[in-house]
Amino acid sequence: MPYAGGRALKTPFGTFYGPNLTPHPEAGLGRWSEADFVRALTKGFAPGNRTIRYPMGIMPLSDQEAGAIYAYLRTVPPIRNAV
């Protein structure tokens, strides 16, 4: 299930599981605005001011680049896969 999350990434700090990046409204990013997504990628905060806790850290992207990723992810089919 592409972009639906759940794949394990083993690191020296523990195992992380990829998030659901599909536009599913409950299990994915369907309720996130573009501004929410850009802030998550570039500042490390999800909606509700929650800290993103993934090993990638903050991505060095411009707002336009992050917005383009958001636009692309809105085109993939929504998949209900709660991670």
Protein backbone atom coordinates (compact mmCIF):
# COMPACT_ATOMS: atom_id res chain seq x y z
CA MET A 1 0.00 0.00 0.00
CA PRO A 2 2.07 2.94 -1.22
CA TYR A 3 2.09 5.95 1.09
CA ALA A 4 -0.19 4.22 3.63
CA GLY A 5 2.52 3.92 6.27
CA GLY A 6 3.27 1.14 8.67
CA ARG A 7 6.65 0.11 7.29
CA ALA A 8 9.26 -0.43 9.97
CA LEU A 9 12.50 1.54 9.94
CA LYS A 10 15.00 0.04 12.34
CA THR A 11 17.49 2.52 13.80
CA PRO A 12 19.96 2.52 16.71
CA PHE A 13 17.31 4.54 18.58
CA GLY A 14 14.54 1.99 18.10
CA THR A 15 12.08 1.07 15.40
CA PHE A 16 10.01 3.80 13.79
CA TYR A 17 6.92 3.21 11.65
CA GLY A 18 6.17 5.36 8.65
CA PRO A 19 3.03 7.50 8.88
CA ASN A 20 0.06 7.25 6.57
CA LEU A 21 0.62 10.02 3.99
CA THR A 22 -2.55 9.39 2.00
CA PRO A 23 -5.42 11.89 2.08
CA HIS A 24 -7.60 9.56 4.19
CA PRO A 25 -9.48 11.86 6.62
CA GLU A 26 -9.10 9.67 9.72
CA ALA A 27 -6.00 7.56 9.13
CA GLY A 28 -3.94 9.87 6.95
CA LEU A 29 -3.36 13.54 6.21
CA GLY A 30 -6.85 14.21 4.87
CA ARG A 31 -7.69 16.82 7.51
CA TRP A 32 -4.32 18.59 7.27
CA SER A 33 -4.17 21.88 5.41
CA GLU A 34 -1.23 22.71 3.16
CA ALA A 35 0.01 25.08 5.88
CA ASP A 36 -0.16 22.22 8.43
CA PHE A 37 1.89 19.98 6.14
CA VAL A 38 4.48 22.64 5.33
CA ARG A 39 4.92 23.42 9.03
CA ALA A 40 5.32 19.72 9.85
CA LEU A 41 8.05 19.22 7.25
CA THR A 42 9.93 22.46 7.76
CA LYS A 43 9.43 23.18 11.46
CA GLY A 44 8.74 19.73 12.94
CA PHE A 45 5.27 20.43 14.36
CA ALA A 46 2.03 18.67 13.42
CA PRO A 47 -1.44 20.20 13.88
CA GLY A 48 -2.20 20.84 17.53
CA ASN A 49 1.45 21.85 18.03
CA ARG A 50 2.48 18.20 18.44
CA THR A 51 6.17 17.52 17.87
CA ILE A 52 6.97 15.20 14.97
CA ARG A 53 9.14 12.42 16.33
CA TYR A 54 10.83 10.81 13.37
CA PRO A 55 14.55 10.32 12.81
CA MET A 56 14.60 12.56 9.75
CA GLY A 57 14.42 15.79 11.74
CA ILE A 58 13.34 18.93 9.96
CA MET A 59 13.58 18.81 6.19
CA PRO A 60 15.53 21.61 4.48
CA LEU A 61 12.74 22.51 2.04
CA SER A 62 11.28 25.80 0.95
CA ASP A 63 7.58 26.36 1.59
CA GLN A 64 7.02 25.99 -2.17
CA GLU A 65 8.81 22.62 -2.28
CA ALA A 66 6.87 21.32 0.74
CA GLY A 67 3.66 22.62 -0.86
CA ALA A 68 4.43 20.70 -4.05
CA ILE A 69 4.86 17.48 -2.04
CA TYR A 70 1.52 18.18 -0.32
CA ALA A 71 -0.16 18.73 -3.71
CA TYR A 72 1.22 15.43 -5.00
CA LEU A 73 0.13 13.48 -1.91
CA ARG A 74 -3.42 14.81 -2.38
CA THR A 75 -3.52 12.92 -5.71
CA VAL A 76 -2.86 9.44 -4.25
CA PRO A 77 -5.83 7.29 -3.25
CA PRO A 78 -6.90 7.60 0.40
CA ILE A 79 -6.17 4.39 2.27
CA ARG A 80 -7.49 3.59 5.72
CA ASN A 81 -4.41 2.23 7.46
CA ALA A 82 -4.09 3.43 11.04
CA VAL A 83 -0.43 3.40 12.04
